[in-house]
Protein backbone atom coordinates (compact mmCIF):
# COMPACT_ATOMS: atom_id res chain seq x y z
CA MET A 1 -28.93 -27.93 -64.33
CA ILE A 2 -25.43 -26.53 -63.82
CA SER A 3 -24.25 -27.58 -67.28
CA PHE A 4 -27.30 -25.89 -68.81
CA LEU A 5 -26.53 -22.61 -67.08
CA SER A 6 -22.87 -22.67 -68.00
CA GLY A 7 -23.78 -23.53 -71.58
CA CYS A 8 -25.97 -20.45 -71.80
CA SER A 9 -23.30 -18.12 -70.53
CA LEU A 10 -20.70 -19.43 -72.98
CA ASN A 11 -22.30 -17.62 -75.90
CA SER A 12 -23.18 -14.33 -74.18
CA PRO A 13 -21.06 -11.59 -75.79
CA VAL A 14 -19.12 -9.30 -73.49
CA TYR A 15 -19.12 -5.68 -74.71
CA PHE A 16 -16.82 -2.79 -73.90
CA GLY A 17 -17.45 0.57 -75.53
CA SER A 18 -19.88 3.39 -76.15
CA LYS A 19 -23.65 2.97 -76.21
CA PHE A 20 -26.18 4.73 -78.43
CA THR A 21 -29.90 4.51 -79.15
CA SER A 22 -30.74 0.93 -80.16
CA THR A 23 -30.89 0.06 -83.85
CA ASN A 24 -33.10 -2.32 -85.84
CA GLU A 25 -30.58 -3.50 -88.41
CA VAL A 26 -26.95 -4.54 -88.08
CA GLN A 27 -24.74 -5.44 -91.03
CA SER A 28 -22.07 -8.14 -90.74
CA PHE A 29 -18.58 -7.90 -92.19
CA TYR A 30 -15.46 -10.04 -92.05
CA SER A 31 -13.04 -7.27 -93.06
CA THR A 32 -13.09 -3.50 -92.78
CA LYS A 33 -12.06 -3.45 -96.47
CA ASP A 34 -15.59 -4.61 -97.30
CA ILE A 35 -17.21 -1.52 -95.72
CA ASN A 36 -17.87 1.04 -98.44
CA ARG A 37 -18.90 4.03 -96.34
CA PRO A 38 -17.36 6.06 -93.50
CA PHE A 39 -17.63 4.51 -90.04
CA GLU A 40 -16.13 4.60 -86.60
CA VAL A 41 -15.46 1.76 -84.18
CA ILE A 42 -17.61 2.36 -81.10
CA GLY A 43 -16.63 -0.71 -79.11
CA HIS A 44 -15.42 -4.28 -78.95
CA MET A 45 -17.00 -7.61 -78.13
CA ASN A 46 -15.71 -11.03 -77.20
CA ALA A 47 -18.10 -13.89 -77.78
CA SER A 48 -17.53 -17.51 -76.87
CA THR A 49 -18.44 -20.00 -79.57
CA GLY A 50 -18.06 -23.66 -80.39
CA ARG A 51 -16.71 -25.71 -83.26
CA SER A 52 -20.06 -26.69 -84.71
CA GLU A 53 -21.77 -24.65 -87.39
CA SER A 54 -24.93 -24.39 -85.27
CA SER A 55 -22.92 -22.96 -82.36
CA GLN A 56 -21.27 -20.41 -84.64
CA ILE A 57 -24.63 -19.40 -86.13
CA ARG A 58 -26.03 -18.89 -82.63
CA THR A 59 -22.97 -16.85 -81.65
CA ARG A 60 -23.46 -14.57 -84.69
CA GLN A 61 -27.13 -14.12 -83.75
CA LEU A 62 -26.19 -13.16 -80.17
CA VAL A 63 -23.53 -10.72 -81.39
CA ILE A 64 -26.01 -9.03 -83.74
CA GLU A 65 -28.65 -8.82 -80.99
CA LYS A 66 -26.11 -7.21 -78.65
CA ALA A 67 -24.96 -4.78 -81.36
CA LYS A 68 -28.58 -3.71 -81.97
CA GLU A 69 -29.05 -3.19 -78.24
CA ILE A 70 -26.03 -0.88 -77.94
CA GLY A 71 -26.81 1.06 -81.14
CA GLY A 72 -24.30 -0.39 -83.58
CA ASP A 73 -24.85 -0.27 -87.33
CA GLY A 74 -22.47 -3.10 -88.09
CA VAL A 75 -20.12 -5.71 -86.70
CA VAL A 76 -16.74 -6.79 -88.00
CA TYR A 77 -15.72 -10.32 -87.06
CA SER A 78 -11.99 -9.89 -86.74
CA GLU A 79 -10.37 -12.87 -85.04
CA LEU A 80 -11.11 -16.39 -83.85
CA ASN A 81 -9.03 -17.54 -80.89
CA ARG A 82 -8.65 -21.06 -79.55
CA GLN A 83 -7.69 -21.86 -75.99
CA VAL A 84 -6.73 -25.46 -75.30
CA ASN A 85 -7.82 -26.76 -71.90
CA GLN A 86 -6.36 -29.86 -70.32
CA LYS A 87 -8.79 -32.80 -70.24
CA THR A 88 -11.73 -30.66 -71.41
CA THR A 89 -12.99 -29.29 -74.67
CA ASP A 90 -11.26 -26.39 -76.40
CA ASP A 91 -12.68 -22.89 -75.94
CA PHE A 92 -13.14 -20.63 -78.96
CA THR A 93 -13.61 -16.87 -78.69
CA MET A 94 -14.60 -14.52 -81.50
CA LYS A 95 -13.33 -10.93 -81.39
CA VAL A 96 -15.81 -8.46 -82.86
CA ASP A 97 -15.58 -4.72 -83.54
CA VAL A 98 -18.88 -2.81 -83.36
CA ILE A 99 -19.17 0.07 -85.82
CA LYS A 100 -21.40 3.10 -86.33
CA PHE A 101 -21.76 4.68 -89.76
CA LYS A 102 -20.99 8.41 -89.95
């Protein structure tokens, strides 16, 4: 039971920033250079993820759900960090900027 609970919390994004009326659609980007309209960064997220493709897909889904909830129009996945833990698995954290189109 404890491992199940800790596994759930690993992928919950932590958000810091402004909140707006929720949105229904959030676009995903991997570089701000790919955004072809004016925008502002309204906040930042950190989301834990794993090495597997299924874990990364689930993390992206959770990030998009959170961005919709706080009123973002898009997310920019900016950095993947790896923290090595002694005698346990590595932890990966995705840094995400949440944007709002002007």
